């Protein structure tokens, strides 16, 4: 049978582990490991010579990369338009961070929060 000290320690540990996932405001990324991360989920369309095609920015990141904030998204868009792959990129999506969820738009290859 467990002693009172072991039961109290176990309950305290379980409570600490549960609250570790929810201390920050917002709906997303409450776990402390991700509290400083910012993710961008977008649906983008690139235009080249009047033709449109979907754009997956993750194809242009290094393998295993998945954290893409607005500044990094803008860098990828600048690369894609600067290299001539697309004349223009437009779309919309969300930015997820410890502060919650925010809408993001891409207009004329520029990230607009």
N, C-alpha and C. Protein backbone atom coordinates (compact mmCIF):
# COMPACT_ATOMS: atom_id res chain seq x y z
N UNK A 1 0.84 -1.17 0.00
CA UNK A 1 0.00 0.00 0.00
C UNK A 1 0.90 1.24 0.00
N UNK A 2 0.45 2.26 -0.72
CA UNK A 2 1.23 3.48 -0.83
C UNK A 2 1.09 4.33 0.43
N UNK A 3 2.19 4.97 0.77
CA UNK A 3 2.14 5.86 1.92
C UNK A 3 1.48 7.18 1.52
N UNK A 4 1.09 7.96 2.50
CA UNK A 4 0.45 9.25 2.24
C UNK A 4 1.39 10.18 1.49
N UNK A 5 2.68 10.12 1.78
CA UNK A 5 3.66 10.98 1.11
C UNK A 5 3.75 10.61 -0.37
N UNK A 6 3.74 9.31 -0.68
CA UNK A 6 3.80 8.88 -2.07
C UNK A 6 2.54 9.29 -2.84
N UNK A 7 1.39 9.19 -2.20
CA UNK A 7 0.15 9.59 -2.85
C UNK A 7 0.14 11.09 -3.13
N UNK A 8 0.55 11.87 -2.14
CA UNK A 8 0.59 13.33 -2.31
C UNK A 8 1.58 13.71 -3.40
N UNK A 9 2.75 13.07 -3.40
CA UNK A 9 3.76 13.36 -4.42
C UNK A 9 3.25 12.98 -5.81
N UNK A 10 2.56 11.87 -5.93
CA UNK A 10 2.02 11.43 -7.21
C UNK A 10 0.95 12.39 -7.71
N UNK A 11 0.04 12.79 -6.83
CA UNK A 11 -1.02 13.73 -7.21
C UNK A 11 -0.41 15.07 -7.61
N UNK A 12 0.58 15.54 -6.87
CA UNK A 12 1.23 16.81 -7.19
C UNK A 12 1.93 16.74 -8.55
N UNK A 13 2.61 15.64 -8.83
CA UNK A 13 3.29 15.47 -10.11
C UNK A 13 2.30 15.43 -11.26
N UNK A 14 1.22 14.71 -11.10
CA UNK A 14 0.21 14.63 -12.16
C UNK A 14 -0.43 16.00 -12.39
N UNK A 15 -0.73 16.73 -11.32
CA UNK A 15 -1.30 18.07 -11.46
C UNK A 15 -0.33 19.01 -12.16
N UNK A 16 0.94 18.94 -11.82
CA UNK A 16 1.96 19.77 -12.45
C UNK A 16 2.06 19.46 -13.94
N UNK A 17 2.02 18.18 -14.30
CA UNK A 17 2.10 17.77 -15.71
C UNK A 17 0.88 18.25 -16.49
N UNK A 18 -0.29 18.17 -15.90
CA UNK A 18 -1.51 18.61 -16.58
C UNK A 18 -1.51 20.12 -16.79
N UNK A 19 -1.16 20.87 -15.76
CA UNK A 19 -1.16 22.33 -15.89
C UNK A 19 -0.02 22.84 -16.76
N UNK A 20 0.99 22.03 -16.98
CA UNK A 20 2.09 22.43 -17.85
C UNK A 20 1.66 22.61 -19.29
N UNK A 21 0.52 22.01 -19.68
CA UNK A 21 0.02 22.14 -21.04
C UNK A 21 -0.90 23.35 -21.21
N UNK A 22 -1.34 23.97 -20.13
CA UNK A 22 -2.34 25.02 -20.28
C UNK A 22 -2.05 26.33 -19.55
N UNK A 23 -0.80 26.72 -19.26
CA UNK A 23 -0.60 27.94 -18.50
C UNK A 23 -0.71 29.24 -19.31
N UNK A 24 -0.59 29.17 -20.62
CA UNK A 24 -0.55 30.38 -21.41
C UNK A 24 -1.91 30.69 -22.04
N UNK A 25 -2.20 31.95 -22.31
CA UNK A 25 -3.46 32.30 -22.96
C UNK A 25 -3.46 31.83 -24.41
N UNK A 26 -4.63 31.75 -24.98
CA UNK A 26 -4.73 31.33 -26.37
C UNK A 26 -5.11 29.88 -26.49
N UNK A 27 -5.52 29.51 -27.69
CA UNK A 27 -6.01 28.16 -27.92
C UNK A 27 -4.91 27.21 -28.37
N UNK A 28 -3.87 27.71 -29.00
CA UNK A 28 -2.85 26.87 -29.60
C UNK A 28 -1.53 26.97 -28.83
N UNK A 29 -0.74 25.93 -28.93
CA UNK A 29 0.65 25.93 -28.47
C UNK A 29 0.80 26.29 -27.00
N UNK A 30 0.00 25.71 -26.15
CA UNK A 30 0.07 26.03 -24.74
C UNK A 30 1.20 25.28 -24.03
N UNK A 31 1.67 24.21 -24.61
CA UNK A 31 2.73 23.46 -23.98
C UNK A 31 4.00 24.29 -23.96
N UNK A 32 4.70 24.30 -22.85
CA UNK A 32 5.86 25.18 -22.69
C UNK A 32 6.93 24.97 -23.76
N UNK A 33 7.03 23.76 -24.27
CA UNK A 33 8.04 23.50 -25.29
C UNK A 33 7.77 24.33 -26.55
N UNK A 34 6.50 24.62 -26.85
CA UNK A 34 6.14 25.35 -28.05
C UNK A 34 5.73 26.79 -27.79
N UNK A 35 5.85 27.27 -26.57
CA UNK A 35 5.29 28.58 -26.24
C UNK A 35 5.93 29.73 -27.01
N UNK A 36 7.13 29.56 -27.53
CA UNK A 36 7.77 30.63 -28.29
C UNK A 36 7.72 30.38 -29.79
N UNK A 37 7.13 29.28 -30.21
CA UNK A 37 7.06 28.94 -31.63
C UNK A 37 5.87 29.64 -32.28
N UNK A 38 6.02 29.92 -33.56
CA UNK A 38 4.95 30.51 -34.35
C UNK A 38 4.84 29.70 -35.63
N UNK A 39 3.65 29.24 -35.93
CA UNK A 39 3.40 28.43 -37.11
C UNK A 39 2.48 29.19 -38.05
N UNK A 40 2.71 29.06 -39.34
CA UNK A 40 1.85 29.68 -40.33
C UNK A 40 1.26 28.58 -41.20
N UNK A 41 -0.06 28.56 -41.29
CA UNK A 41 -0.75 27.61 -42.15
C UNK A 41 -1.43 28.43 -43.23
N UNK A 42 -1.03 28.22 -44.49
CA UNK A 42 -1.56 29.05 -45.57
C UNK A 42 -1.99 28.21 -46.76
N UNK A 43 -2.86 28.78 -47.53
CA UNK A 43 -3.26 28.24 -48.83
C UNK A 43 -2.86 29.30 -49.85
N UNK A 44 -1.86 29.00 -50.67
CA UNK A 44 -1.29 29.99 -51.58
C UNK A 44 -1.45 29.58 -53.03
N UNK A 45 -1.59 30.59 -53.88
CA UNK A 45 -1.68 30.38 -55.33
C UNK A 45 -0.65 31.28 -56.00
N UNK A 46 0.19 30.68 -56.83
CA UNK A 46 1.19 31.45 -57.56
C UNK A 46 0.75 31.68 -58.99
N UNK A 47 1.09 32.84 -59.52
CA UNK A 47 0.73 33.20 -60.89
C UNK A 47 2.01 33.41 -61.68
N UNK A 48 2.09 32.78 -62.84
CA UNK A 48 3.22 32.94 -63.75
C UNK A 48 2.68 33.00 -65.17
N UNK A 49 2.90 34.11 -65.84
CA UNK A 49 2.44 34.31 -67.22
C UNK A 49 0.94 34.06 -67.36
N UNK A 50 0.16 34.50 -66.39
CA UNK A 50 -1.29 34.37 -66.44
C UNK A 50 -1.83 33.03 -65.99
N UNK A 51 -0.98 32.07 -65.75
CA UNK A 51 -1.42 30.75 -65.27
C UNK A 51 -1.24 30.67 -63.77
N UNK A 52 -2.19 30.01 -63.10
CA UNK A 52 -2.11 29.88 -61.64
C UNK A 52 -1.85 28.43 -61.25
N UNK A 53 -1.19 28.28 -60.12
CA UNK A 53 -0.89 26.95 -59.58
C UNK A 53 -0.78 27.06 -58.07
N UNK A 54 -1.15 26.00 -57.35
CA UNK A 54 -0.99 26.04 -55.89
C UNK A 54 0.50 26.07 -55.52
N UNK A 55 0.80 26.74 -54.42
CA UNK A 55 2.18 26.86 -53.95
C UNK A 55 2.29 26.22 -52.57
N UNK A 56 3.20 25.29 -52.41
CA UNK A 56 3.49 24.68 -51.12
C UNK A 56 4.85 25.19 -50.66
N UNK A 57 4.85 26.15 -49.73
CA UNK A 57 6.11 26.75 -49.30
C UNK A 57 7.01 25.76 -48.58
N UNK A 58 6.44 24.70 -48.03
CA UNK A 58 7.25 23.70 -47.32
C UNK A 58 8.15 22.92 -48.27
N UNK A 59 7.85 22.93 -49.55
CA UNK A 59 8.73 22.29 -50.53
C UNK A 59 10.07 23.03 -50.64
N UNK A 60 10.11 24.28 -50.20
CA UNK A 60 11.30 25.10 -50.33
C UNK A 60 12.06 25.27 -49.02
N UNK A 61 11.65 24.54 -48.00
CA UNK A 61 12.36 24.56 -46.71
C UNK A 61 13.25 23.34 -46.61
N UNK A 62 14.19 23.36 -45.68
CA UNK A 62 15.04 22.20 -45.49
C UNK A 62 14.22 21.05 -44.91
N UNK A 63 14.60 19.81 -45.21
CA UNK A 63 13.84 18.65 -44.71
C UNK A 63 13.70 18.68 -43.19
N UNK A 64 12.50 18.40 -42.71
CA UNK A 64 12.23 18.38 -41.29
C UNK A 64 11.78 19.71 -40.72
N UNK A 65 11.84 20.77 -41.52
CA UNK A 65 11.41 22.08 -41.04
C UNK A 65 9.89 22.16 -41.07
N UNK A 66 9.32 22.66 -40.00
CA UNK A 66 7.87 22.83 -39.97
C UNK A 66 7.45 24.11 -39.29
N UNK A 67 8.36 24.79 -38.63
CA UNK A 67 8.03 26.06 -37.98
C UNK A 67 8.30 27.17 -38.98
N UNK A 68 7.23 27.82 -39.39
CA UNK A 68 7.33 28.85 -40.41
C UNK A 68 6.51 30.05 -39.95
N UNK A 69 7.17 31.06 -39.43
CA UNK A 69 6.50 32.27 -39.00
C UNK A 69 6.35 33.23 -40.16
N UNK A 70 5.65 34.34 -39.97
CA UNK A 70 5.47 35.31 -41.05
C UNK A 70 6.78 35.83 -41.66
N UNK A 71 7.83 36.14 -40.89
CA UNK A 71 9.07 36.61 -41.54
C UNK A 71 9.70 35.53 -42.44
N UNK A 72 9.66 34.28 -41.99
CA UNK A 72 10.22 33.19 -42.81
C UNK A 72 9.36 32.96 -44.05
N UNK A 73 8.04 33.07 -43.90
CA UNK A 73 7.15 32.95 -45.05
C UNK A 73 7.46 34.04 -46.07
N UNK A 74 7.68 35.26 -45.60
CA UNK A 74 8.01 36.35 -46.52
C UNK A 74 9.33 36.08 -47.23
N UNK A 75 10.30 35.51 -46.54
CA UNK A 75 11.58 35.18 -47.17
C UNK A 75 11.40 34.17 -48.29
N UNK A 76 10.58 33.14 -48.05
CA UNK A 76 10.32 32.14 -49.09
C UNK A 76 9.59 32.78 -50.27
N UNK A 77 8.60 33.63 -50.00
CA UNK A 77 7.88 34.31 -51.08
C UNK A 77 8.82 35.20 -51.89
N UNK A 78 9.71 35.91 -51.21
CA UNK A 78 10.69 36.75 -51.92
C UNK A 78 11.58 35.90 -52.82
N UNK A 79 11.99 34.74 -52.33
CA UNK A 79 12.82 33.83 -53.14
C UNK A 79 12.05 33.35 -54.38
N UNK A 80 10.80 32.96 -54.18
CA UNK A 80 10.02 32.41 -55.29
C UNK A 80 9.72 33.46 -56.36
N UNK A 81 9.45 34.68 -55.95
CA UNK A 81 9.19 35.73 -56.94
C UNK A 81 10.50 36.30 -57.50
N UNK A 82 11.52 36.41 -56.66
CA UNK A 82 12.81 36.94 -57.12
C UNK A 82 13.51 36.00 -58.10
N UNK A 83 13.31 34.71 -57.94
CA UNK A 83 13.93 33.73 -58.84
C UNK A 83 13.18 33.60 -60.16
N UNK A 84 12.00 34.24 -60.25
CA UNK A 84 11.22 34.16 -61.48
C UNK A 84 10.29 32.97 -61.56
N UNK A 85 10.24 32.19 -60.53
CA UNK A 85 9.34 31.02 -60.54
C UNK A 85 7.88 31.45 -60.63
N UNK A 86 7.54 32.54 -59.92
CA UNK A 86 6.19 33.10 -59.96
C UNK A 86 6.29 34.61 -60.12
N UNK A 87 5.32 35.19 -60.82
CA UNK A 87 5.23 36.64 -60.93
C UNK A 87 4.60 37.23 -59.67
N UNK A 88 3.67 36.48 -59.10
CA UNK A 88 2.89 36.97 -57.97
C UNK A 88 2.36 35.77 -57.19
N UNK A 89 2.26 35.92 -55.87
CA UNK A 89 1.70 34.87 -55.01
C UNK A 89 0.65 35.52 -54.12
N UNK A 90 -0.52 34.89 -54.05
CA UNK A 90 -1.62 35.38 -53.23
C UNK A 90 -2.19 34.21 -52.42
N UNK A 91 -2.86 34.54 -51.32
CA UNK A 91 -3.50 33.50 -50.53
C UNK A 91 -3.93 34.00 -49.16
N UNK A 92 -4.28 33.06 -48.32
CA UNK A 92 -4.75 33.39 -46.97
C UNK A 92 -4.44 32.22 -46.05
N UNK A 93 -4.57 32.47 -44.76
CA UNK A 93 -4.31 31.41 -43.79
C UNK A 93 -4.39 31.92 -42.37
N UNK A 94 -3.67 31.21 -41.47
CA UNK A 94 -3.67 31.55 -40.05
C UNK A 94 -2.26 31.49 -39.50
N UNK A 95 -2.03 32.30 -38.49
CA UNK A 95 -0.78 32.27 -37.73
C UNK A 95 -1.15 31.74 -36.35
N UNK A 96 -0.49 30.69 -35.92
CA UNK A 96 -0.74 30.08 -34.62
C UNK A 96 0.45 30.32 -33.72
N UNK A 97 0.20 30.87 -32.54
CA UNK A 97 1.27 31.12 -31.59
C UNK A 97 0.71 31.01 -30.18
N UNK A 98 1.54 31.25 -29.20
CA UNK A 98 1.10 31.18 -27.81
C UNK A 98 0.05 32.25 -27.51
N UNK A 99 0.01 33.30 -28.29
CA UNK A 99 -0.98 34.36 -28.10
C UNK A 99 -2.31 34.02 -28.74
N UNK A 100 -2.40 32.89 -29.40
CA UNK A 100 -3.65 32.46 -30.02
C UNK A 100 -3.53 32.39 -31.53
N UNK A 101 -4.66 32.52 -32.18
CA UNK A 101 -4.77 32.37 -33.62
C UNK A 101 -5.07 33.73 -34.25
N UNK A 102 -4.43 34.00 -35.38
CA UNK A 102 -4.60 35.27 -36.07
C UNK A 102 -4.67 35.01 -37.57
N UNK A 103 -5.50 35.74 -38.27
CA UNK A 103 -5.59 35.59 -39.73
C UNK A 103 -4.38 36.24 -40.40
N UNK A 104 -3.98 35.66 -41.51
CA UNK A 104 -2.89 36.22 -42.31
C UNK A 104 -3.32 36.15 -43.78
N UNK A 105 -2.93 37.15 -44.55
CA UNK A 105 -3.19 37.16 -45.98
C UNK A 105 -1.88 37.41 -46.71
N UNK A 106 -1.81 36.89 -47.91
CA UNK A 106 -0.68 37.16 -48.80
C UNK A 106 -1.29 37.85 -50.02
N UNK A 107 -0.92 39.11 -50.23
CA UNK A 107 -1.43 39.89 -51.35
C UNK A 107 -0.24 40.43 -52.13
N UNK A 108 -0.20 40.12 -53.39
CA UNK A 108 0.90 40.61 -54.22
C UNK A 108 2.26 40.19 -53.69
N UNK A 109 2.36 38.98 -53.22
CA UNK A 109 3.60 38.38 -52.68
C UNK A 109 4.07 39.03 -51.39
N UNK A 110 3.19 39.71 -50.67
CA UNK A 110 3.52 40.33 -49.39
C UNK A 110 2.64 39.76 -48.30
N UNK A 111 3.24 39.41 -47.18
CA UNK A 111 2.52 38.88 -46.01
C UNK A 111 1.87 40.05 -45.28
N UNK A 112 0.56 39.95 -45.07
CA UNK A 112 -0.20 41.00 -44.38
C UNK A 112 -0.90 40.39 -43.20
N UNK A 113 -0.57 40.86 -42.00
CA UNK A 113 -1.22 40.34 -40.78
C UNK A 113 -2.44 41.16 -40.44
